[in-house]
Amino acid sequence: KLGLIVHSNENHTMTLTDILMIAATALSPLIAVQVTRFLDDRNEVRGRKLKVFKTLMATRAYSLSPGHVEALNSIDLEFTGTSHGEKQVREAWQAYLDHLGSKLLEGQAWGDKKIDLLGDLLHAMAQCLGYEFNKTQIKNASYSPVIHGRIESEQERVRALTLDLLEGRRSLPMHVTNLPNQQPAQMPNRDV
């Protein structure tokens, strides 16, 4: 074994600076790990909020899409903070959710209010997350091809008609034009 022993007759005392240097050297890796974990957690929370917001923005013209519905249902899970912005998001979400289950308005009036409340929700989320969107931009700046709306309407109509047929509320019209292996009916002889 190799050992190093230093003998000195001098009395070494540690100053406050020496103690702080040793403490800093010993604790700096632990502090760095804790700071990194804190930042990672904060970024993960923000990332989940951004995912909800971006999904809702991308699907705002398709409110029946599974992604849109899933993102709406994630709001209560992701925007749980006590900040003013997160409270605004939860309040806007509650107003929108209440309207979705409401039967007070019908037809176009219900649809118009739904669009306005979704715009309010997305605006509150944008503000909370630091985006500079205004309500008009959120409401009017989405692209939805007309064919998508027509396909969705046709699919809904096919589903409704199929259910009517299966539940006996509708019959399937049939027109027989020719039966195979059938002889034409003979006309009675009038000469007799």
N, C-alpha and C. Protein backbone atom coordinates (compact mmCIF):
# COMPACT_ATOMS: atom_id res chain seq x y z
N LYS A 1 0.84 -1.18 0.00
CA LYS A 1 0.00 0.00 0.00
C LYS A 1 0.87 1.23 0.00
N LEU A 2 0.39 2.18 -0.76
CA LEU A 2 1.10 3.43 -0.84
C LEU A 2 0.32 4.47 -0.06
N GLY A 3 0.91 5.09 0.85
CA GLY A 3 0.21 6.07 1.66
C GLY A 3 1.01 7.34 1.71
N LEU A 4 0.32 8.41 1.92
CA LEU A 4 0.98 9.70 1.99
C LEU A 4 0.58 10.33 3.31
N ILE A 5 1.56 10.57 4.09
CA ILE A 5 1.31 11.20 5.37
C ILE A 5 2.10 12.49 5.38
N VAL A 6 1.42 13.54 5.69
CA VAL A 6 2.07 14.85 5.76
C VAL A 6 2.06 15.26 7.21
N HIS A 7 3.24 15.52 7.69
CA HIS A 7 3.37 16.00 9.06
C HIS A 7 3.67 17.48 9.00
N SER A 8 2.95 18.19 9.77
CA SER A 8 3.20 19.62 9.80
C SER A 8 3.00 20.10 11.22
N ASN A 9 3.78 21.02 11.55
CA ASN A 9 3.68 21.59 12.88
C ASN A 9 2.75 22.80 12.89
N GLU A 10 2.27 23.16 11.68
CA GLU A 10 1.40 24.32 11.60
C GLU A 10 -0.02 23.92 12.00
N ASN A 11 -0.69 24.79 12.63
CA ASN A 11 -2.07 24.57 13.02
C ASN A 11 -2.97 25.09 11.90
N HIS A 12 -3.67 24.15 11.25
CA HIS A 12 -4.55 24.55 10.15
C HIS A 12 -5.95 24.73 10.68
N THR A 13 -6.51 25.85 10.42
CA THR A 13 -7.90 26.11 10.78
C THR A 13 -8.66 26.36 9.49
N MET A 14 -9.87 25.91 9.49
CA MET A 14 -10.70 26.09 8.29
C MET A 14 -11.49 27.37 8.44
N THR A 15 -11.45 28.14 7.40
CA THR A 15 -12.22 29.38 7.40
C THR A 15 -13.62 29.09 6.87
N LEU A 16 -14.50 30.04 7.00
CA LEU A 16 -15.86 29.91 6.49
C LEU A 16 -15.84 29.69 4.98
N THR A 17 -14.94 30.34 4.30
CA THR A 17 -14.81 30.17 2.86
C THR A 17 -14.44 28.73 2.53
N ASP A 18 -13.53 28.15 3.28
CA ASP A 18 -13.14 26.76 3.05
C ASP A 18 -14.33 25.82 3.25
N ILE A 19 -15.10 26.05 4.28
CA ILE A 19 -16.26 25.19 4.56
C ILE A 19 -17.30 25.32 3.45
N LEU A 20 -17.53 26.54 3.00
CA LEU A 20 -18.48 26.76 1.92
C LEU A 20 -18.01 26.12 0.62
N MET A 21 -16.74 26.16 0.34
CA MET A 21 -16.20 25.53 -0.88
C MET A 21 -16.38 24.02 -0.82
N ILE A 22 -16.13 23.42 0.32
CA ILE A 22 -16.30 21.98 0.47
C ILE A 22 -17.77 21.61 0.35
N ALA A 23 -18.63 22.38 0.98
CA ALA A 23 -20.07 22.11 0.90
C ALA A 23 -20.58 22.26 -0.52
N ALA A 24 -20.12 23.30 -1.21
CA ALA A 24 -20.55 23.51 -2.59
C ALA A 24 -20.08 22.38 -3.48
N THR A 25 -18.86 21.94 -3.27
CA THR A 25 -18.32 20.83 -4.08
C THR A 25 -19.09 19.55 -3.80
N ALA A 26 -19.45 19.32 -2.56
CA ALA A 26 -20.15 18.09 -2.21
C ALA A 26 -21.62 18.13 -2.63
N LEU A 27 -22.25 19.29 -2.52
CA LEU A 27 -23.69 19.39 -2.78
C LEU A 27 -24.05 19.76 -4.22
N SER A 28 -23.12 20.27 -4.99
CA SER A 28 -23.45 20.74 -6.34
C SER A 28 -24.02 19.64 -7.23
N PRO A 29 -23.52 18.41 -7.21
CA PRO A 29 -24.17 17.39 -8.05
C PRO A 29 -25.62 17.12 -7.63
N LEU A 30 -25.87 17.09 -6.33
CA LEU A 30 -27.23 16.87 -5.84
C LEU A 30 -28.15 18.02 -6.25
N ILE A 31 -27.67 19.24 -6.11
CA ILE A 31 -28.46 20.41 -6.50
C ILE A 31 -28.72 20.39 -8.00
N ALA A 32 -27.73 20.04 -8.79
CA ALA A 32 -27.89 19.99 -10.24
C ALA A 32 -28.94 18.97 -10.64
N VAL A 33 -28.92 17.81 -10.00
CA VAL A 33 -29.91 16.77 -10.30
C VAL A 33 -31.31 17.26 -9.94
N GLN A 34 -31.46 17.88 -8.79
CA GLN A 34 -32.77 18.36 -8.36
C GLN A 34 -33.30 19.46 -9.28
N VAL A 35 -32.42 20.36 -9.67
CA VAL A 35 -32.84 21.43 -10.59
C VAL A 35 -33.25 20.84 -11.93
N THR A 36 -32.49 19.87 -12.43
CA THR A 36 -32.81 19.21 -13.70
C THR A 36 -34.16 18.50 -13.61
N ARG A 37 -34.40 17.79 -12.52
CA ARG A 37 -35.68 17.11 -12.34
C ARG A 37 -36.83 18.11 -12.29
N PHE A 38 -36.64 19.21 -11.58
CA PHE A 38 -37.67 20.24 -11.50
C PHE A 38 -37.99 20.79 -12.89
N LEU A 39 -36.96 21.12 -13.66
CA LEU A 39 -37.17 21.66 -15.00
C LEU A 39 -37.82 20.64 -15.93
N ASP A 40 -37.39 19.39 -15.83
CA ASP A 40 -38.00 18.33 -16.65
C ASP A 40 -39.48 18.16 -16.32
N ASP A 41 -39.81 18.14 -15.04
CA ASP A 41 -41.21 18.00 -14.63
C ASP A 41 -42.04 19.17 -15.13
N ARG A 42 -41.49 20.38 -14.99
CA ARG A 42 -42.21 21.57 -15.45
C ARG A 42 -42.43 21.51 -16.97
N ASN A 43 -41.40 21.10 -17.70
CA ASN A 43 -41.53 21.00 -19.16
C ASN A 43 -42.52 19.91 -19.56
N GLU A 44 -42.55 18.82 -18.82
CA GLU A 44 -43.50 17.74 -19.12
C GLU A 44 -44.94 18.20 -18.91
N VAL A 45 -45.18 18.91 -17.82
CA VAL A 45 -46.52 19.44 -17.54
C VAL A 45 -46.93 20.41 -18.64
N ARG A 46 -46.05 21.31 -19.01
CA ARG A 46 -46.36 22.25 -20.09
C ARG A 46 -46.58 21.52 -21.41
N GLY A 47 -45.78 20.50 -21.66
CA GLY A 47 -45.93 19.72 -22.90
C GLY A 47 -47.29 19.06 -23.00
N ARG A 48 -47.80 18.54 -21.89
CA ARG A 48 -49.12 17.91 -21.90
C ARG A 48 -50.22 18.94 -22.15
N LYS A 49 -50.07 20.12 -21.56
CA LYS A 49 -51.04 21.19 -21.79
C LYS A 49 -51.01 21.63 -23.25
N LEU A 50 -49.80 21.76 -23.79
CA LEU A 50 -49.67 22.13 -25.20
C LEU A 50 -50.29 21.10 -26.12
N LYS A 51 -50.13 19.83 -25.77
CA LYS A 51 -50.72 18.77 -26.60
C LYS A 51 -52.23 18.88 -26.63
N VAL A 52 -52.85 19.12 -25.48
CA VAL A 52 -54.30 19.30 -25.42
C VAL A 52 -54.71 20.50 -26.27
N PHE A 53 -54.03 21.62 -26.09
CA PHE A 53 -54.35 22.84 -26.83
C PHE A 53 -54.18 22.64 -28.34
N LYS A 54 -53.06 22.09 -28.74
CA LYS A 54 -52.80 21.91 -30.17
C LYS A 54 -53.79 20.93 -30.80
N THR A 55 -54.17 19.90 -30.08
CA THR A 55 -55.16 18.97 -30.61
C THR A 55 -56.50 19.66 -30.80
N LEU A 56 -56.92 20.45 -29.81
CA LEU A 56 -58.19 21.16 -29.93
C LEU A 56 -58.15 22.19 -31.04
N MET A 57 -57.04 22.87 -31.20
CA MET A 57 -56.92 23.85 -32.29
C MET A 57 -56.98 23.15 -33.64
N ALA A 58 -56.29 22.03 -33.76
CA ALA A 58 -56.24 21.32 -35.04
C ALA A 58 -57.57 20.67 -35.40
N THR A 59 -58.37 20.35 -34.40
CA THR A 59 -59.64 19.65 -34.66
C THR A 59 -60.85 20.51 -34.37
N ARG A 60 -60.68 21.81 -34.24
CA ARG A 60 -61.81 22.66 -33.85
C ARG A 60 -62.94 22.65 -34.88
N ALA A 61 -62.64 22.33 -36.12
CA ALA A 61 -63.69 22.24 -37.14
C ALA A 61 -64.33 20.85 -37.14
N TYR A 62 -63.77 19.91 -36.37
CA TYR A 62 -64.27 18.53 -36.33
C TYR A 62 -64.53 18.13 -34.88
N SER A 63 -65.52 18.74 -34.29
CA SER A 63 -65.74 18.55 -32.86
C SER A 63 -66.20 17.14 -32.49
N LEU A 64 -66.57 16.34 -33.47
CA LEU A 64 -66.97 14.96 -33.18
C LEU A 64 -65.81 13.97 -33.31
N SER A 65 -64.65 14.45 -33.74
CA SER A 65 -63.53 13.54 -33.93
C SER A 65 -63.06 13.00 -32.58
N PRO A 66 -62.64 11.74 -32.54
CA PRO A 66 -62.18 11.16 -31.27
C PRO A 66 -61.04 11.95 -30.62
N GLY A 67 -60.13 12.47 -31.41
CA GLY A 67 -59.02 13.26 -30.86
C GLY A 67 -59.52 14.52 -30.16
N HIS A 68 -60.50 15.16 -30.75
CA HIS A 68 -61.07 16.37 -30.17
C HIS A 68 -61.74 16.06 -28.83
N VAL A 69 -62.55 15.03 -28.83
CA VAL A 69 -63.26 14.65 -27.60
C VAL A 69 -62.28 14.23 -26.50
N GLU A 70 -61.26 13.47 -26.88
CA GLU A 70 -60.25 13.05 -25.90
C GLU A 70 -59.51 14.26 -25.31
N ALA A 71 -59.18 15.21 -26.16
CA ALA A 71 -58.49 16.41 -25.68
C ALA A 71 -59.39 17.22 -24.74
N LEU A 72 -60.67 17.34 -25.08
CA LEU A 72 -61.60 18.04 -24.19
C LEU A 72 -61.65 17.37 -22.82
N ASN A 73 -61.72 16.05 -22.82
CA ASN A 73 -61.80 15.32 -21.56
C ASN A 73 -60.50 15.34 -20.78
N SER A 74 -59.42 15.78 -21.39
CA SER A 74 -58.13 15.88 -20.70
C SER A 74 -57.93 17.23 -20.01
N ILE A 75 -58.79 18.19 -20.28
CA ILE A 75 -58.61 19.53 -19.72
C ILE A 75 -58.57 19.49 -18.20
N ASP A 76 -59.52 18.80 -17.59
CA ASP A 76 -59.56 18.74 -16.12
C ASP A 76 -58.32 18.08 -15.54
N LEU A 77 -57.68 17.21 -16.30
CA LEU A 77 -56.48 16.52 -15.82
C LEU A 77 -55.22 17.36 -15.97
N GLU A 78 -55.16 18.17 -17.00
CA GLU A 78 -53.92 18.89 -17.31
C GLU A 78 -53.90 20.33 -16.81
N PHE A 79 -55.03 20.98 -16.75
CA PHE A 79 -55.08 22.38 -16.32
C PHE A 79 -55.60 22.44 -14.88
N THR A 80 -54.77 21.96 -13.97
CA THR A 80 -55.18 21.82 -12.56
C THR A 80 -54.55 22.86 -11.66
N GLY A 81 -53.74 23.74 -12.20
CA GLY A 81 -53.02 24.71 -11.38
C GLY A 81 -53.92 25.76 -10.77
N THR A 82 -53.33 26.57 -9.93
CA THR A 82 -54.07 27.62 -9.23
C THR A 82 -53.87 28.99 -9.85
N SER A 83 -53.14 29.05 -10.95
CA SER A 83 -52.91 30.35 -11.59
C SER A 83 -54.21 30.88 -12.17
N HIS A 84 -54.25 32.18 -12.38
CA HIS A 84 -55.44 32.82 -12.95
C HIS A 84 -55.76 32.23 -14.33
N GLY A 85 -54.73 32.02 -15.14
CA GLY A 85 -54.92 31.49 -16.48
C GLY A 85 -55.55 30.10 -16.48
N GLU A 86 -55.08 29.23 -15.60
CA GLU A 86 -55.63 27.87 -15.55
C GLU A 86 -57.06 27.87 -15.01
N LYS A 87 -57.35 28.78 -14.08
CA LYS A 87 -58.73 28.90 -13.59
C LYS A 87 -59.64 29.36 -14.72
N GLN A 88 -59.16 30.29 -15.55
CA GLN A 88 -59.95 30.77 -16.70
C GLN A 88 -60.23 29.62 -17.67
N VAL A 89 -59.24 28.77 -17.88
CA VAL A 89 -59.42 27.62 -18.78
C VAL A 89 -60.50 26.70 -18.23
N ARG A 90 -60.42 26.38 -16.94
CA ARG A 90 -61.41 25.47 -16.35
C ARG A 90 -62.82 26.08 -16.37
N GLU A 91 -62.92 27.38 -16.15
CA GLU A 91 -64.24 28.04 -16.20
C GLU A 91 -64.81 28.02 -17.62
N ALA A 92 -63.96 28.29 -18.61
CA ALA A 92 -64.42 28.26 -20.01
C ALA A 92 -64.80 26.84 -20.41
N TRP A 93 -64.06 25.86 -19.95
CA TRP A 93 -64.37 24.46 -20.24
C TRP A 93 -65.71 24.09 -19.62
N GLN A 94 -65.96 24.51 -18.39
CA GLN A 94 -67.22 24.19 -17.73
C GLN A 94 -68.40 24.82 -18.45
N ALA A 95 -68.25 26.06 -18.90
CA ALA A 95 -69.32 26.72 -19.66
C ALA A 95 -69.59 25.98 -20.96
N TYR A 96 -68.54 25.57 -21.65
CA TYR A 96 -68.69 24.82 -22.91
C TYR A 96 -69.34 23.47 -22.66
N LEU A 97 -68.87 22.76 -21.64
CA LEU A 97 -69.43 21.44 -21.31
C LEU A 97 -70.90 21.55 -20.93
N ASP A 98 -71.25 22.56 -20.13
CA ASP A 98 -72.65 22.76 -19.77
C ASP A 98 -73.51 22.98 -21.01
N HIS A 99 -73.00 23.76 -21.95
CA HIS A 99 -73.76 24.02 -23.17
C HIS A 99 -73.92 22.75 -24.01
N LEU A 100 -72.87 21.94 -24.08
CA LEU A 100 -72.96 20.72 -24.88
C LEU A 100 -74.07 19.80 -24.38
N GLY A 101 -74.33 19.81 -23.08
CA GLY A 101 -75.40 18.98 -22.52
C GLY A 101 -76.73 19.70 -22.39
N SER A 102 -76.79 20.94 -22.81
CA SER A 102 -78.00 21.74 -22.65
C SER A 102 -78.98 21.50 -23.79
N LYS A 103 -80.25 21.60 -23.45
CA LYS A 103 -81.30 21.48 -24.47
C LYS A 103 -82.13 22.76 -24.53
N LEU A 104 -81.59 23.85 -23.98
CA LEU A 104 -82.32 25.10 -23.96
C LEU A 104 -82.41 25.74 -25.34
N LEU A 105 -81.37 25.60 -26.13
CA LEU A 105 -81.36 26.13 -27.49
C LEU A 105 -81.41 24.98 -28.47
N GLU A 106 -81.88 25.25 -29.67
CA GLU A 106 -81.94 24.22 -30.69
C GLU A 106 -81.40 24.75 -32.01
N GLY A 107 -81.06 23.83 -32.87
CA GLY A 107 -80.68 24.16 -34.24
C GLY A 107 -79.50 25.09 -34.35
N GLN A 108 -79.68 26.10 -35.20
CA GLN A 108 -78.60 27.03 -35.51
C GLN A 108 -78.16 27.83 -34.29
N ALA A 109 -79.10 28.21 -33.42
CA ALA A 109 -78.75 28.99 -32.23
C ALA A 109 -77.84 28.18 -31.32
N TRP A 110 -78.14 26.89 -31.15
CA TRP A 110 -77.30 26.02 -30.32
C TRP A 110 -75.91 25.89 -30.94
N GLY A 111 -75.86 25.68 -32.25
CA GLY A 111 -74.59 25.53 -32.95
C GLY A 111 -73.74 26.80 -32.89
N ASP A 112 -74.37 27.96 -33.05
CA ASP A 112 -73.63 29.23 -32.98
C ASP A 112 -73.04 29.44 -31.59
N LYS A 113 -73.83 29.16 -30.56
CA LYS A 113 -73.33 29.33 -29.19
C LYS A 113 -72.20 28.33 -28.91
N LYS A 114 -72.31 27.12 -29.43
CA LYS A 114 -71.26 26.10 -29.26
C LYS A 114 -69.95 26.60 -29.84
N ILE A 115 -69.99 27.17 -31.03
CA ILE A 115 -68.79 27.70 -31.68
C ILE A 115 -68.19 28.84 -30.86
N ASP A 116 -69.05 29.73 -30.35
CA ASP A 116 -68.57 30.86 -29.53
C ASP A 116 -67.90 30.36 -28.25
N LEU A 117 -68.53 29.38 -27.58
CA LEU A 117 -67.98 28.88 -26.32
C LEU A 117 -66.68 28.10 -26.55
N LEU A 118 -66.59 27.37 -27.65
CA LEU A 118 -65.34 26.68 -27.98
C LEU A 118 -64.25 27.73 -28.25
N GLY A 119 -64.61 28.80 -28.92
CA GLY A 119 -63.65 29.89 -29.16
C GLY A 119 -63.17 30.51 -27.84
N ASP A 120 -64.10 30.69 -26.91
CA ASP A 120 -63.73 31.23 -25.59
C ASP A 120 -62.75 30.28 -24.88
N LEU A 121 -63.04 28.99 -24.94
CA LEU A 121 -62.17 27.99 -24.31
C LEU A 121 -60.78 28.01 -24.92
N LEU A 122 -60.71 27.98 -26.24
CA LEU A 122 -59.41 27.97 -26.92
C LEU A 122 -58.65 29.28 -26.68
N HIS A 123 -59.36 30.38 -26.59
CA HIS A 123 -58.72 31.67 -26.30
C HIS A 123 -58.12 31.66 -24.89
N ALA A 124 -58.87 31.14 -23.93
CA ALA A 124 -58.36 31.07 -22.55
C ALA A 124 -57.13 30.17 -22.49
N MET A 125 -57.15 29.07 -23.23
CA MET A 125 -55.99 28.17 -23.25
C MET A 125 -54.80 28.86 -23.91
N ALA A 126 -55.04 29.57 -25.00
CA ALA A 126 -53.96 30.27 -25.71
C ALA A 126 -53.31 31.29 -24.78
N GLN A 127 -54.11 32.05 -24.07
CA GLN A 127 -53.56 33.05 -23.14
C GLN A 127 -52.77 32.38 -22.02
N CYS A 128 -53.30 31.29 -21.49
CA CYS A 128 -52.63 30.58 -20.40
C CYS A 128 -51.27 30.05 -20.84
N LEU A 129 -51.18 29.64 -22.10
CA LEU A 129 -49.94 29.05 -22.62
C LEU A 129 -49.03 30.05 -23.32
N GLY A 130 -49.43 31.31 -23.36
CA GLY A 130 -48.56 32.34 -23.91
C GLY A 130 -48.69 32.56 -25.41
N TYR A 131 -49.79 32.13 -26.01
CA TYR A 131 -50.01 32.38 -27.44
C TYR A 131 -50.80 33.67 -27.61
N GLU A 132 -50.59 34.34 -28.73
CA GLU A 132 -51.21 35.63 -29.00
C GLU A 132 -52.36 35.51 -30.01
N PHE A 133 -53.27 34.58 -29.80
CA PHE A 133 -54.42 34.45 -30.69
C PHE A 133 -55.57 35.29 -30.15
N ASN A 134 -56.35 35.89 -31.06
CA ASN A 134 -57.57 36.54 -30.61
C ASN A 134 -58.75 35.61 -30.94
N LYS A 135 -59.91 35.91 -30.37
CA LYS A 135 -61.07 35.02 -30.52
C LYS A 135 -61.52 34.89 -31.97
N THR A 136 -61.48 35.98 -32.71
CA THR A 136 -61.90 35.93 -34.11
C THR A 136 -60.97 35.03 -34.91
N GLN A 137 -59.69 35.15 -34.66
CA GLN A 137 -58.71 34.31 -35.36
C GLN A 137 -58.96 32.84 -35.05
N ILE A 138 -59.20 32.52 -33.80
CA ILE A 138 -59.46 31.13 -33.41
C ILE A 138 -60.73 30.62 -34.07
N LYS A 139 -61.76 31.45 -34.08
CA LYS A 139 -63.06 31.04 -34.61
C LYS A 139 -63.06 30.87 -36.13
N ASN A 140 -62.38 31.76 -36.83
CA ASN A 140 -62.50 31.79 -38.28
C ASN A 140 -61.31 31.24 -39.06
N ALA A 141 -60.21 30.97 -38.39
CA ALA A 141 -58.99 30.59 -39.11
C ALA A 141 -58.74 29.09 -39.10
N SER A 142 -59.77 28.32 -39.37
CA SER A 142 -59.57 26.87 -39.50
C SER A 142 -60.07 26.44 -40.86
N TYR A 143 -59.46 25.43 -41.40
CA TYR A 143 -59.82 24.94 -42.73
C TYR A 143 -60.54 23.62 -42.59
N SER A 144 -61.69 23.53 -43.21
CA SER A 144 -62.47 22.30 -43.22
C SER A 144 -63.09 22.16 -44.60
N PRO A 145 -62.59 21.23 -45.41
CA PRO A 145 -63.15 21.07 -46.74
C PRO A 145 -64.65 20.73 -46.68
N VAL A 146 -65.41 21.27 -47.61
CA VAL A 146 -66.85 21.04 -47.67
C VAL A 146 -67.15 19.55 -47.76
N ILE A 147 -66.32 18.83 -48.48
CA ILE A 147 -66.56 17.40 -48.67
C ILE A 147 -66.53 16.65 -47.33
N HIS A 148 -65.70 17.10 -46.40
CA HIS A 148 -65.67 16.44 -45.10
C HIS A 148 -67.01 16.57 -44.39
N GLY A 149 -67.59 17.75 -44.45
CA GLY A 149 -68.90 17.95 -43.83
C GLY A 149 -69.97 17.12 -44.52
N ARG A 150 -69.90 17.03 -45.84
CA ARG A 150 -70.88 16.24 -46.57
C ARG A 150 -70.73 14.76 -46.25
N ILE A 151 -69.49 14.28 -46.19
CA ILE A 151 -69.25 12.87 -45.85
C ILE A 151 -69.78 12.57 -44.44
N GLU A 152 -69.50 13.45 -43.51
CA GLU A 152 -69.98 13.25 -42.14
C GLU A 152 -71.50 13.22 -42.10
N SER A 153 -72.16 14.12 -42.84
CA SER A 153 -73.64 14.13 -42.89
C SER A 153 -74.18 12.86 -43.52
N GLU A 154 -73.55 12.43 -44.60
CA GLU A 154 -74.00 11.20 -45.26
C GLU A 154 -73.83 9.99 -44.36
N GLN A 155 -72.71 9.92 -43.66
CA GLN A 155 -72.48 8.80 -42.75
C GLN A 155 -73.51 8.79 -41.63
N GLU A 156 -73.84 9.94 -41.12
CA GLU A 156 -74.87 10.03 -40.07
C GLU A 156 -76.22 9.58 -40.62
N ARG A 157 -76.53 9.98 -41.83
CA ARG A 157 -77.80 9.59 -42.45
C ARG A 157 -77.86 8.08 -42.68
N VAL A 158 -76.76 7.48 -43.16
CA VAL A 158 -76.71 6.03 -43.36
C VAL A 158 -76.89 5.30 -42.03
N ARG A 159 -76.24 5.78 -40.99
CA ARG A 159 -76.39 5.16 -39.67
C ARG A 159 -77.84 5.22 -39.20
N ALA A 160 -78.47 6.38 -39.35
CA ALA A 160 -79.85 6.55 -38.90
C ALA A 160 -80.80 5.66 -39.69
N LEU A 161 -80.63 5.62 -41.01
CA LEU A 161 -81.50 4.78 -41.83
C LEU A 161 -81.29 3.29 -41.53
N THR A 162 -80.05 2.90 -41.31
CA THR A 162 -79.76 1.51 -40.97
C THR A 162 -80.41 1.13 -39.65
N LEU A 163 -80.33 1.98 -38.66
CA LEU A 163 -80.99 1.71 -37.38
C LEU A 163 -82.50 1.62 -37.54
N ASP A 164 -83.08 2.52 -38.33
CA ASP A 164 -84.53 2.46 -38.58
C ASP A 164 -84.90 1.13 -39.22
N LEU A 165 -84.12 0.68 -40.17
CA LEU A 165 -84.36 -0.59 -40.85
C LEU A 165 -84.24 -1.76 -39.88
N LEU A 166 -83.18 -1.79 -39.10
CA LEU A 166 -82.95 -2.90 -38.17
C LEU A 166 -83.97 -2.94 -37.03
N GLU A 167 -84.47 -1.78 -36.65
CA GLU A 167 -85.43 -1.72 -35.55
C GLU A 167 -86.87 -1.78 -36.02
N GLY A 168 -87.07 -2.00 -37.34
CA GLY A 168 -88.42 -2.19 -37.87
C GLY A 168 -89.20 -0.91 -38.09
N ARG A 169 -88.61 0.23 -37.99
CA ARG A 169 -89.32 1.48 -38.24
C ARG A 169 -89.34 1.85 -39.72
N ARG A 170 -88.62 1.12 -40.51
CA ARG A 170 -88.53 1.39 -41.95
C ARG A 170 -88.44 0.05 -42.66
N SER A 171 -89.01 0.00 -43.84
CA SER A 171 -88.91 -1.22 -44.63
C SER A 171 -87.99 -0.98 -45.81
N LEU A 172 -87.49 -2.05 -46.33
CA LEU A 172 -86.59 -1.98 -47.47
C LEU A 172 -87.41 -2.18 -48.74
N PRO A 173 -87.51 -1.16 -49.58
CA PRO A 173 -88.32 -1.31 -50.81
C PRO A 173 -87.64 -2.27 -51.77
N MET A 174 -88.47 -3.13 -52.35
CA MET A 174 -87.94 -4.11 -53.32
C MET A 174 -88.83 -4.08 -54.55
N HIS A 175 -88.23 -4.18 -55.70
CA HIS A 175 -88.95 -4.24 -56.97
C HIS A 175 -88.48 -5.49 -57.69
N VAL A 176 -89.39 -6.45 -57.87
CA VAL A 176 -89.04 -7.68 -58.56
C VAL A 176 -89.31 -7.46 -60.03
N THR A 177 -88.30 -7.67 -60.85
CA THR A 177 -88.46 -7.48 -62.29
C THR A 177 -88.47 -8.81 -63.04
N ASN A 178 -87.80 -9.80 -62.51
CA ASN A 178 -87.77 -11.08 -63.21
C ASN A 178 -87.37 -12.15 -62.21
N LEU A 179 -88.19 -13.19 -62.13
CA LEU A 179 -87.84 -14.31 -61.27
C LEU A 179 -87.28 -15.42 -62.15
N PRO A 180 -86.18 -16.00 -61.84
CA PRO A 180 -85.61 -17.07 -62.68
C PRO A 180 -86.46 -18.34 -62.59
N ASN A 181 -86.43 -19.13 -63.66
CA ASN A 181 -87.14 -20.41 -63.77
C ASN A 181 -88.65 -20.26 -63.62
N GLN A 182 -89.19 -19.19 -64.06
CA GLN A 182 -90.64 -18.99 -64.02
C GLN A 182 -91.14 -18.88 -65.45
N GLN A 183 -92.23 -19.55 -65.74
CA GLN A 183 -92.86 -19.46 -67.05
C GLN A 183 -93.78 -18.24 -67.04
N PRO A 184 -93.83 -17.56 -68.15
CA PRO A 184 -94.77 -16.44 -68.18
C PRO A 184 -96.19 -16.96 -67.98
N ALA A 185 -96.97 -16.21 -67.28
CA ALA A 185 -98.36 -16.61 -67.00
C ALA A 185 -99.13 -16.66 -68.32
N GLN A 186 -99.96 -17.71 -68.52
CA GLN A 186 -100.72 -17.86 -69.73
C GLN A 186 -102.02 -17.10 -69.59
N MET A 187 -102.34 -16.45 -70.63
CA MET A 187 -103.56 -15.69 -70.65
C MET A 187 -104.71 -16.65 -70.94
N PRO A 188 -105.82 -16.51 -70.31
CA PRO A 188 -106.98 -17.40 -70.61
C PRO A 188 -107.44 -17.22 -72.05
N ASN A 189 -107.87 -18.30 -72.63
CA ASN A 189 -108.31 -18.33 -74.01
C ASN A 189 -109.73 -17.78 -74.09
N ARG A 190 -109.98 -16.76 -74.80
CA ARG A 190 -111.29 -16.11 -74.86
C ARG A 190 -112.10 -16.60 -76.05
N ASP A 191 -111.50 -17.45 -76.85
CA ASP A 191 -112.23 -17.94 -78.03
C ASP A 191 -113.23 -19.00 -77.63
N VAL A 192 -113.15 -19.53 -76.52
CA VAL A 192 -114.00 -20.65 -76.17
C VAL A 192 -115.35 -20.20 -75.74
